[in-house]
């Protein structure tokens, strides 16, 4: 069981380092169907392992200045308010229903990732300068610094809050929301968005973990330790590879893998 935990953790960590968070969506299905945890145990374990793994990835990218702290902290603060709400909601929902909803979320994520891979603009930093008369709510000055106006801060806070709710509810880091939101709404480059996403996931996962623990939900620490060990090793490999790949084909394959896992979760849930 320990070896299996390490292998599964490596898969999650690898995709986490590669995509800046999307891989965390595999953690709960692997913990439930691969390691035999209950849905609620898996959510708590996923929060701990994803948070620990993301922290290593964040520090790694911080050293090479690939983290934008003001934007990331705004996202994280809003998400840390949402995570306890998500954790409370998870306790009110029966396990099979929670897994079914999670499978639906996986399909939505996969569709979004596939469409994003087909859009070349999604892979490029989008910079809006202060001279633009029309454009998105968040803009950057000619030096590339985000102009954090009140409307921009409100927009990013709302997205961060939603990310936190999903994190507490399903045990996911929310990187599949954070990374595209940072790219599209704040004009951040993809590599910097991945690093900033890992900062946000670390803090939001910490908030969700504390919420689960304080509510009396038991955490399988032995499984968490081995899963996290594999996750950290996988993340280092995924981060190294992410800097060498353009990504469109890889994103499509990743989206296909998410759909396959979602269909498996639906089959097992309805069969049960």
C-alpha atoms as a PDB file:
ATOM      1  CA  UNK A   1       0.000   0.000   0.000  1.00  0.00           C
ATOM      2  CA  UNK A   2       2.883   2.374   0.750  1.00  0.00           C
ATOM      3  CA  UNK A   3       4.382   1.818  -2.715  1.00  0.00           C
ATOM      4  CA  UNK A   4       1.014   2.421  -4.337  1.00  0.00           C
ATOM      5  CA  UNK A   5       0.612   5.627  -2.336  1.00  0.00           C
ATOM      6  CA  UNK A   6       3.994   6.869  -3.579  1.00  0.00           C
ATOM      7  CA  UNK A   7       3.158   5.994  -7.204  1.00  0.00           C
ATOM      8  CA  UNK A   8      -0.211   7.732  -7.085  1.00  0.00           C
ATOM      9  CA  UNK A   9       1.297  10.731  -5.329  1.00  0.00           C
ATOM     10  CA  UNK A  10       3.975  10.964  -8.016  1.00  0.00           C
ATOM     11  CA  UNK A  11       1.298  11.095 -10.733  1.00  0.00           C
ATOM     12  CA  UNK A  12      -0.510  13.914  -8.943  1.00  0.00           C
ATOM     13  CA  UNK A  13       2.695  15.834  -8.224  1.00  0.00           C
ATOM     14  CA  UNK A  14       3.934  15.467 -11.789  1.00  0.00           C
ATOM     15  CA  UNK A  15       0.770  16.905 -13.288  1.00  0.00           C
ATOM     16  CA  UNK A  16       0.672  19.572 -10.571  1.00  0.00           C
ATOM     17  CA  UNK A  17       4.152  20.778 -11.500  1.00  0.00           C
ATOM     18  CA  UNK A  18       3.358  20.564 -15.194  1.00  0.00           C
ATOM     19  CA  UNK A  19       0.101  22.524 -15.145  1.00  0.00           C
ATOM     20  CA  UNK A  20       0.278  24.621 -11.971  1.00  0.00           C
ATOM     21  CA  UNK A  21      -2.623  22.879 -10.251  1.00  0.00           C
ATOM     22  CA  UNK A  22      -4.718  20.899 -12.718  1.00  0.00           C
ATOM     23  CA  UNK A  23      -3.186  17.623 -11.569  1.00  0.00           C
ATOM     24  CA  UNK A  24      -4.688  17.960  -8.100  1.00  0.00           C
ATOM     25  CA  UNK A  25      -8.029  16.928  -9.546  1.00  0.00           C
ATOM     26  CA  UNK A  26      -6.695  13.354  -9.827  1.00  0.00           C
ATOM     27  CA  UNK A  27      -5.924  13.103  -6.100  1.00  0.00           C
ATOM     28  CA  UNK A  28      -9.408  12.315  -4.761  1.00  0.00           C
ATOM     29  CA  UNK A  29     -10.238   9.537  -7.286  1.00  0.00           C
ATOM     30  CA  UNK A  30      -6.834   7.926  -6.691  1.00  0.00           C
ATOM     31  CA  UNK A  31      -7.261   8.092  -2.923  1.00  0.00           C
ATOM     32  CA  UNK A  32     -10.795   6.684  -3.041  1.00  0.00           C
ATOM     33  CA  UNK A  33     -10.552   3.988  -5.708  1.00  0.00           C
ATOM     34  CA  UNK A  34      -6.835   3.275  -5.584  1.00  0.00           C
ATOM     35  CA  UNK A  35      -6.178   3.423  -1.841  1.00  0.00           C
ATOM     36  CA  UNK A  36      -9.622   2.701  -0.411  1.00  0.00           C
ATOM     37  CA  UNK A  37     -10.287   5.917   1.523  1.00  0.00           C
ATOM     38  CA  UNK A  38     -13.794   7.234   2.031  1.00  0.00           C
ATOM     39  CA  UNK A  39     -14.831  10.317   0.063  1.00  0.00           C
ATOM     40  CA  UNK A  40     -14.483  12.626   3.074  1.00  0.00           C
ATOM     41  CA  UNK A  41     -11.142  11.115   4.141  1.00  0.00           C
ATOM     42  CA  UNK A  42      -9.904  11.549   0.572  1.00  0.00           C
ATOM     43  CA  UNK A  43     -10.902  15.225   0.510  1.00  0.00           C
ATOM     44  CA  UNK A  44      -8.963  15.911   3.721  1.00  0.00           C
ATOM     45  CA  UNK A  45      -5.948  13.859   2.616  1.00  0.00           C
ATOM     46  CA  UNK A  46      -5.951  15.578  -0.769  1.00  0.00           C
ATOM     47  CA  UNK A  47      -5.904  19.017   0.856  1.00  0.00           C
ATOM     48  CA  UNK A  48      -2.852  18.099   2.968  1.00  0.00           C
ATOM     49  CA  UNK A  49      -0.871  16.438   0.184  1.00  0.00           C
ATOM     50  CA  UNK A  50      -1.724  18.990  -2.501  1.00  0.00           C
ATOM     51  CA  UNK A  51      -0.891  21.826  -0.100  1.00  0.00           C
ATOM     52  CA  UNK A  52       2.464  20.315   0.902  1.00  0.00           C
ATOM     53  CA  UNK A  53       3.408  19.512  -2.678  1.00  0.00           C
ATOM     54  CA  UNK A  54       2.382  22.971  -3.894  1.00  0.00           C
ATOM     55  CA  UNK A  55       4.484  24.587  -1.157  1.00  0.00           C
ATOM     56  CA  UNK A  56       7.610  22.897  -2.527  1.00  0.00           C
ATOM     57  CA  UNK A  57       6.719  23.978  -6.059  1.00  0.00           C
ATOM     58  CA  UNK A  58       6.067  27.532  -4.914  1.00  0.00           C
ATOM     59  CA  UNK A  59       9.466  27.784  -3.204  1.00  0.00           C
ATOM     60  CA  UNK A  60      11.141  26.362  -6.286  1.00  0.00           C
ATOM     61  CA  UNK A  61       9.587  28.982  -8.562  1.00  0.00           C
ATOM     62  CA  UNK A  62      10.032  31.787  -6.028  1.00  0.00           C
ATOM     63  CA  UNK A  63      13.797  31.283  -6.247  1.00  0.00           C
ATOM     64  CA  UNK A  64      13.684  32.052  -9.975  1.00  0.00           C
ATOM     65  CA  UNK A  65      11.276  35.003  -9.493  1.00  0.00           C
ATOM     66  CA  UNK A  66       8.300  33.314 -11.105  1.00  0.00           C
ATOM     67  CA  UNK A  67       5.776  34.341  -8.409  1.00  0.00           C
ATOM     68  CA  UNK A  68       3.747  37.570  -8.315  1.00  0.00           C
ATOM     69  CA  UNK A  69       3.053  38.070  -4.620  1.00  0.00           C
ATOM     70  CA  UNK A  70       0.466  40.915  -4.511  1.00  0.00           C
ATOM     71  CA  UNK A  71      -1.875  39.186  -6.962  1.00  0.00           C
ATOM     72  CA  UNK A  72      -1.304  35.755  -5.437  1.00  0.00           C
ATOM     73  CA  UNK A  73      -1.912  36.914  -1.878  1.00  0.00           C
ATOM     74  CA  UNK A  74      -5.162  38.626  -2.906  1.00  0.00           C
ATOM     75  CA  UNK A  75      -6.355  35.391  -4.497  1.00  0.00           C
ATOM     76  CA  UNK A  76      -5.222  33.357  -1.488  1.00  0.00           C
ATOM     77  CA  UNK A  77      -6.871  35.620   1.088  1.00  0.00           C
ATOM     78  CA  UNK A  78     -10.227  35.331  -0.672  1.00  0.00           C
ATOM     79  CA  UNK A  79      -9.751  31.584  -1.121  1.00  0.00           C
ATOM     80  CA  UNK A  80      -8.956  31.071   2.563  1.00  0.00           C
ATOM     81  CA  UNK A  81     -12.379  32.519   3.394  1.00  0.00           C
ATOM     82  CA  UNK A  82     -14.041  30.190   0.893  1.00  0.00           C
ATOM     83  CA  UNK A  83     -12.278  26.957   1.934  1.00  0.00           C
ATOM     84  CA  UNK A  84     -14.013  26.615   5.348  1.00  0.00           C
ATOM     85  CA  UNK A  85     -17.379  27.128   3.633  1.00  0.00           C
ATOM     86  CA  UNK A  86     -16.540  24.368   1.154  1.00  0.00           C
ATOM     87  CA  UNK A  87     -15.403  22.073   3.972  1.00  0.00           C
ATOM     88  CA  UNK A  88     -18.701  22.652   5.810  1.00  0.00           C
ATOM     89  CA  UNK A  89     -20.660  21.915   2.627  1.00  0.00           C
ATOM     90  CA  UNK A  90     -18.724  18.663   2.129  1.00  0.00           C
ATOM     91  CA  UNK A  91     -19.946  17.416   5.528  1.00  0.00           C
ATOM     92  CA  UNK A  92     -23.578  18.016   4.548  1.00  0.00           C
ATOM     93  CA  UNK A  93     -23.418  16.060   1.279  1.00  0.00           C
ATOM     94  CA  UNK A  94     -23.591  12.216   1.174  1.00  0.00           C
ATOM     95  CA  UNK A  95     -20.390  10.546  -0.052  1.00  0.00           C
ATOM     96  CA  UNK A  96     -21.792   9.161  -3.362  1.00  0.00           C
ATOM     97  CA  UNK A  97     -23.366  12.517  -4.220  1.00  0.00           C
ATOM     98  CA  UNK A  98     -20.081  14.284  -3.436  1.00  0.00           C
ATOM     99  CA  UNK A  99     -18.211  11.948  -5.785  1.00  0.00           C
ATOM    100  CA  UNK A 100     -20.838  12.412  -8.489  1.00  0.00           C
ATOM    101  CA  UNK A 101     -20.544  16.187  -8.270  1.00  0.00           C
ATOM    102  CA  UNK A 102     -16.777  15.840  -8.358  1.00  0.00           C
ATOM    103  CA  UNK A 103     -17.016  13.819 -11.581  1.00  0.00           C
ATOM    104  CA  UNK A 104     -19.133  16.572 -13.157  1.00  0.00           C
ATOM    105  CA  UNK A 105     -16.530  19.128 -12.100  1.00  0.00           C
ATOM    106  CA  UNK A 106     -13.825  17.012 -13.758  1.00  0.00           C
ATOM    107  CA  UNK A 107     -15.700  17.009 -17.067  1.00  0.00           C
ATOM    108  CA  UNK A 108     -16.140  20.792 -16.920  1.00  0.00           C
ATOM    109  CA  UNK A 109     -12.420  21.224 -16.228  1.00  0.00           C
ATOM    110  CA  UNK A 110     -11.476  18.883 -19.095  1.00  0.00           C
ATOM    111  CA  UNK A 111     -13.649  20.774 -21.593  1.00  0.00           C
ATOM    112  CA  UNK A 112     -12.158  24.080 -20.497  1.00  0.00           C
ATOM    113  CA  UNK A 113      -8.601  22.730 -20.766  1.00  0.00           C
ATOM    114  CA  UNK A 114      -9.233  21.311 -24.237  1.00  0.00           C
ATOM    115  CA  UNK A 115     -10.613  24.620 -25.474  1.00  0.00           C
ATOM    116  CA  UNK A 116      -7.728  26.499 -23.890  1.00  0.00           C
ATOM    117  CA  UNK A 117      -5.215  24.246 -25.644  1.00  0.00           C
ATOM    118  CA  UNK A 118      -6.816  25.160 -28.968  1.00  0.00           C
ATOM    119  CA  UNK A 119      -6.486  28.878 -28.310  1.00  0.00           C
ATOM    120  CA  UNK A 120      -2.962  30.071 -29.031  1.00  0.00           C
ATOM    121  CA  UNK A 121      -3.633  33.308 -27.140  1.00  0.00           C
ATOM    122  CA  UNK A 122      -4.101  31.327 -23.930  1.00  0.00           C
ATOM    123  CA  UNK A 123      -0.455  30.324 -24.027  1.00  0.00           C
ATOM    124  CA  UNK A 124       0.862  33.860 -24.301  1.00  0.00           C
ATOM    125  CA  UNK A 125       1.126  36.635 -21.716  1.00  0.00           C
ATOM    126  CA  UNK A 126      -1.582  39.224 -22.375  1.00  0.00           C
ATOM    127  CA  UNK A 127      -0.501  42.733 -21.447  1.00  0.00           C
ATOM    128  CA  UNK A 128      -2.938  45.644 -21.337  1.00  0.00           C
ATOM    129  CA  UNK A 129      -1.310  49.006 -20.771  1.00  0.00           C
ATOM    130  CA  UNK A 130      -2.601  52.051 -18.996  1.00  0.00           C
ATOM    131  CA  UNK A 131      -3.238  53.727 -22.355  1.00  0.00           C
ATOM    132  CA  UNK A 132      -5.970  51.280 -23.362  1.00  0.00           C
ATOM    133  CA  UNK A 133      -9.392  52.925 -23.468  1.00  0.00           C
ATOM    134  CA  UNK A 134     -11.196  49.616 -23.622  1.00  0.00           C
ATOM    135  CA  UNK A 135     -10.291  46.227 -22.264  1.00  0.00           C
ATOM    136  CA  UNK A 136     -10.619  43.979 -19.263  1.00  0.00           C
ATOM    137  CA  UNK A 137     -11.143  45.034 -15.672  1.00  0.00           C
ATOM    138  CA  UNK A 138      -7.488  44.358 -14.759  1.00  0.00           C
ATOM    139  CA  UNK A 139      -4.698  46.081 -16.695  1.00  0.00           C
ATOM    140  CA  UNK A 140      -0.929  46.431 -16.470  1.00  0.00           C
ATOM    141  CA  UNK A 141       1.311  49.455 -16.875  1.00  0.00           C
ATOM    142  CA  UNK A 142       4.005  49.582 -19.605  1.00  0.00           C
ATOM    143  CA  UNK A 143       6.496  47.949 -17.190  1.00  0.00           C
ATOM    144  CA  UNK A 144       4.160  44.978 -16.792  1.00  0.00           C
ATOM    145  CA  UNK A 145       3.083  45.769 -13.202  1.00  0.00           C
ATOM    146  CA  UNK A 146      -0.568  45.007 -12.473  1.00  0.00           C
ATOM    147  CA  UNK A 147      -2.711  48.070 -11.737  1.00  0.00           C
ATOM    148  CA  UNK A 148      -4.661  46.737  -8.764  1.00  0.00           C
ATOM    149  CA  UNK A 149      -7.687  49.041  -8.945  1.00  0.00           C
ATOM    150  CA  UNK A 150     -10.811  48.435  -6.863  1.00  0.00           C
ATOM    151  CA  UNK A 151     -12.750  46.734  -9.721  1.00  0.00           C
ATOM    152  CA  UNK A 152      -9.725  44.553 -10.486  1.00  0.00           C
ATOM    153  CA  UNK A 153      -9.266  43.596  -6.836  1.00  0.00           C
ATOM    154  CA  UNK A 154     -12.981  42.758  -6.551  1.00  0.00           C
ATOM    155  CA  UNK A 155     -12.881  40.558  -9.661  1.00  0.00           C
ATOM    156  CA  UNK A 156      -9.812  38.626  -8.502  1.00  0.00           C
ATOM    157  CA  UNK A 157     -11.267  38.264  -5.001  1.00  0.00           C
ATOM    158  CA  UNK A 158     -14.499  36.741  -6.323  1.00  0.00           C
ATOM    159  CA  UNK A 159     -12.566  34.206  -8.404  1.00  0.00           C
ATOM    160  CA  UNK A 160     -10.352  33.453  -5.402  1.00  0.00           C
ATOM    161  CA  UNK A 161     -13.401  32.933  -3.173  1.00  0.00           C
ATOM    162  CA  UNK A 162     -14.890  30.447  -5.643  1.00  0.00           C
ATOM    163  CA  UNK A 163     -11.561  28.645  -5.782  1.00  0.00           C
ATOM    164  CA  UNK A 164     -11.530  28.332  -2.001  1.00  0.00           C
ATOM    165  CA  UNK A 165     -15.049  26.877  -1.912  1.00  0.00           C
ATOM    166  CA  UNK A 166     -14.094  24.247  -4.500  1.00  0.00           C
ATOM    167  CA  UNK A 167     -10.922  23.479  -2.563  1.00  0.00           C
ATOM    168  CA  UNK A 168     -12.740  22.840   0.697  1.00  0.00           C
ATOM    169  CA  UNK A 169     -15.578  20.956  -0.978  1.00  0.00           C
ATOM    170  CA  UNK A 170     -13.615  18.617  -3.244  1.00  0.00           C
ATOM    171  CA  UNK A 171     -10.063  18.692  -1.901  1.00  0.00           C
ATOM    172  CA  UNK A 172      -8.675  20.199  -5.108  1.00  0.00           C
ATOM    173  CA  UNK A 173      -6.161  23.013  -5.209  1.00  0.00           C
ATOM    174  CA  UNK A 174      -8.127  25.028  -7.739  1.00  0.00           C
ATOM    175  CA  UNK A 175      -5.183  25.577 -10.066  1.00  0.00           C
ATOM    176  CA  UNK A 176      -7.378  24.775 -13.063  1.00  0.00           C
ATOM    177  CA  UNK A 177      -9.267  27.973 -12.200  1.00  0.00           C
ATOM    178  CA  UNK A 178      -6.381  30.050 -10.853  1.00  0.00           C
ATOM    179  CA  UNK A 179      -3.947  29.687 -13.763  1.00  0.00           C
ATOM    180  CA  UNK A 180      -6.344  30.703 -16.570  1.00  0.00           C
ATOM    181  CA  UNK A 181      -7.825  33.430 -14.356  1.00  0.00           C
ATOM    182  CA  UNK A 182      -4.366  34.915 -13.760  1.00  0.00           C
ATOM    183  CA  UNK A 183      -3.572  34.760 -17.473  1.00  0.00           C
ATOM    184  CA  UNK A 184      -6.868  36.133 -18.791  1.00  0.00           C
ATOM    185  CA  UNK A 185      -7.949  38.530 -16.040  1.00  0.00           C
ATOM    186  CA  UNK A 186      -4.590  39.898 -14.831  1.00  0.00           C
ATOM    187  CA  UNK A 187      -2.529  39.580 -18.028  1.00  0.00           C
ATOM    188  CA  UNK A 188       0.094  37.406 -16.332  1.00  0.00           C
ATOM    189  CA  UNK A 189       2.486  35.208 -18.346  1.00  0.00           C
ATOM    190  CA  UNK A 190       1.891  31.455 -18.197  1.00  0.00           C
ATOM    191  CA  UNK A 191       5.060  30.482 -16.300  1.00  0.00           C
ATOM    192  CA  UNK A 192       4.543  33.232 -13.709  1.00  0.00           C
ATOM    193  CA  UNK A 193       0.860  32.244 -13.430  1.00  0.00           C
ATOM    194  CA  UNK A 194       1.870  28.662 -12.601  1.00  0.00           C
ATOM    195  CA  UNK A 195       4.222  29.836  -9.849  1.00  0.00           C
ATOM    196  CA  UNK A 196       1.652  32.251  -8.424  1.00  0.00           C
ATOM    197  CA  UNK A 197      -0.997  29.525  -8.579  1.00  0.00           C
ATOM    198  CA  UNK A 198       1.190  27.254  -6.444  1.00  0.00           C
ATOM    199  CA  UNK A 199       1.405  30.010  -3.791  1.00  0.00           C
ATOM    200  CA  UNK A 200      -2.383  30.357  -3.768  1.00  0.00           C
ATOM    201  CA  UNK A 201      -2.954  26.579  -3.628  1.00  0.00           C
ATOM    202  CA  UNK A 202      -0.560  26.266  -0.677  1.00  0.00           C
ATOM    203  CA  UNK A 203      -2.399  28.847   1.422  1.00  0.00           C
ATOM    204  CA  UNK A 204      -5.923  27.796   0.419  1.00  0.00           C
ATOM    205  CA  UNK A 205      -5.153  24.123   1.042  1.00  0.00           C
ATOM    206  CA  UNK A 206      -3.829  25.054   4.488  1.00  0.00           C
ATOM    207  CA  UNK A 207      -7.096  26.814   5.274  1.00  0.00           C
ATOM    208  CA  UNK A 208      -9.131  23.848   4.047  1.00  0.00           C
ATOM    209  CA  UNK A 209      -7.007  21.371   6.017  1.00  0.00           C
ATOM    210  CA  UNK A 210      -7.474  23.331   9.241  1.00  0.00           C
ATOM    211  CA  UNK A 211     -11.226  23.442   8.598  1.00  0.00           C
ATOM    212  CA  UNK A 212     -11.439  19.666   8.086  1.00  0.00           C
ATOM    213  CA  UNK A 213      -9.262  18.939  11.107  1.00  0.00           C
ATOM    214  CA  UNK A 214     -11.129  21.345  13.413  1.00  0.00           C
ATOM    215  CA  UNK A 215     -14.463  19.792  12.405  1.00  0.00           C
ATOM    216  CA  UNK A 216     -13.336  16.417  13.748  1.00  0.00           C
ATOM    217  CA  UNK A 217     -12.759  14.779  10.366  1.00  0.00           C
ATOM    218  CA  UNK A 218     -10.032  12.086  10.778  1.00  0.00           C
ATOM    219  CA  UNK A 219      -7.001  12.283   8.512  1.00  0.00           C
ATOM    220  CA  UNK A 220      -5.091   9.136   7.382  1.00  0.00           C
ATOM    221  CA  UNK A 221      -1.622  10.430   8.189  1.00  0.00           C
ATOM    222  CA  UNK A 222       0.286   7.327   7.091  1.00  0.00           C
ATOM    223  CA  UNK A 223      -1.254   7.464   3.609  1.00  0.00           C
ATOM    224  CA  UNK A 224      -0.761  11.235   3.506  1.00  0.00           C
ATOM    225  CA  UNK A 225       2.956  10.891   4.275  1.00  0.00           C
ATOM    226  CA  UNK A 226       3.656   8.396   1.479  1.00  0.00           C
ATOM    227  CA  UNK A 227       1.363  10.170  -0.984  1.00  0.00           C
ATOM    228  CA  UNK A 228       3.097  13.486  -0.263  1.00  0.00           C
ATOM    229  CA  UNK A 229       6.555  11.957  -0.706  1.00  0.00           C
ATOM    230  CA  UNK A 230       5.598  10.772  -4.171  1.00  0.00           C
ATOM    231  CA  UNK A 231       3.899  14.086  -4.901  1.00  0.00           C
ATOM    232  CA  UNK A 232       7.018  16.126  -4.157  1.00  0.00           C
ATOM    233  CA  UNK A 233       9.192  13.909  -6.371  1.00  0.00           C
ATOM    234  CA  UNK A 234       6.659  14.111  -9.191  1.00  0.00           C
ATOM    235  CA  UNK A 235       6.300  17.864  -8.840  1.00  0.00           C
ATOM    236  CA  UNK A 236      10.037  18.458  -9.286  1.00  0.00           C
ATOM    237  CA  UNK A 237      10.006  16.397 -12.469  1.00  0.00           C
ATOM    238  CA  UNK A 238       6.848  18.074 -13.780  1.00  0.00           C
ATOM    239  CA  UNK A 239       8.179  21.568 -13.075  1.00  0.00           C
ATOM    240  CA  UNK A 240      11.387  20.833 -14.981  1.00  0.00           C
ATOM    241  CA  UNK A 241       9.438  19.484 -17.949  1.00  0.00           C
ATOM    242  CA  UNK A 242       6.939  22.366 -17.980  1.00  0.00           C
ATOM    243  CA  UNK A 243       9.706  24.836 -18.812  1.00  0.00           C
ATOM    244  CA  UNK A 244      10.611  22.875 -21.941  1.00  0.00           C
ATOM    245  CA  UNK A 245       7.165  22.151 -23.429  1.00  0.00           C
ATOM    246  CA  UNK A 246       4.825  24.461 -25.336  1.00  0.00           C
ATOM    247  CA  UNK A 247       1.929  22.391 -24.093  1.00  0.00           C
ATOM    248  CA  UNK A 248      -1.088  22.329 -26.486  1.00  0.00           C
ATOM    249  CA  UNK A 249      -0.890  18.615 -27.304  1.00  0.00           C
ATOM    250  CA  UNK A 250      -0.013  17.793 -23.708  1.00  0.00           C
ATOM    251  CA  UNK A 251      -3.023  19.778 -22.468  1.00  0.00           C
ATOM    252  CA  UNK A 252      -5.343  17.876 -24.812  1.00  0.00           C
ATOM    253  CA  UNK A 253      -3.986  14.541 -23.574  1.00  0.00           C
ATOM    254  CA  UNK A 254      -4.342  15.759 -20.004  1.00  0.00           C
ATOM    255  CA  UNK A 255      -7.960  16.786 -20.657  1.00  0.00           C
ATOM    256  CA  UNK A 256      -8.639  13.344 -22.135  1.00  0.00           C
ATOM    257  CA  UNK A 257      -7.189  11.682 -19.041  1.00  0.00           C
ATOM    258  CA  UNK A 258      -9.451  13.786 -16.802  1.00  0.00           C
ATOM    259  CA  UNK A 259     -12.527  12.736 -18.798  1.00  0.00           C
ATOM    260  CA  UNK A 260     -11.501   9.071 -18.523  1.00  0.00           C
ATOM    261  CA  UNK A 261     -11.150   9.351 -14.745  1.00  0.00           C
ATOM    262  CA  UNK A 262     -14.457  11.259 -14.499  1.00  0.00           C
ATOM    263  CA  UNK A 263     -16.280   8.509 -16.422  1.00  0.00           C
ATOM    264  CA  UNK A 264     -14.727   5.902 -14.131  1.00  0.00           C
ATOM    265  CA  UNK A 265     -15.857   7.828 -11.039  1.00  0.00           C
ATOM    266  CA  UNK A 266     -19.392   8.145 -12.433  1.00  0.00           C
ATOM    267  CA  UNK A 267     -19.502   4.435 -13.269  1.00  0.00           C
ATOM    268  CA  UNK A 268     -18.305   3.390  -9.822  1.00  0.00           C
ATOM    269  CA  UNK A 269     -20.592   5.857  -8.063  1.00  0.00           C
ATOM    270  CA  UNK A 270     -23.779   4.903  -9.898  1.00  0.00           C
ATOM    271  CA  UNK A 271     -22.859   1.210  -9.745  1.00  0.00           C
ATOM    272  CA  UNK A 272     -22.518   1.509  -5.977  1.00  0.00           C
END
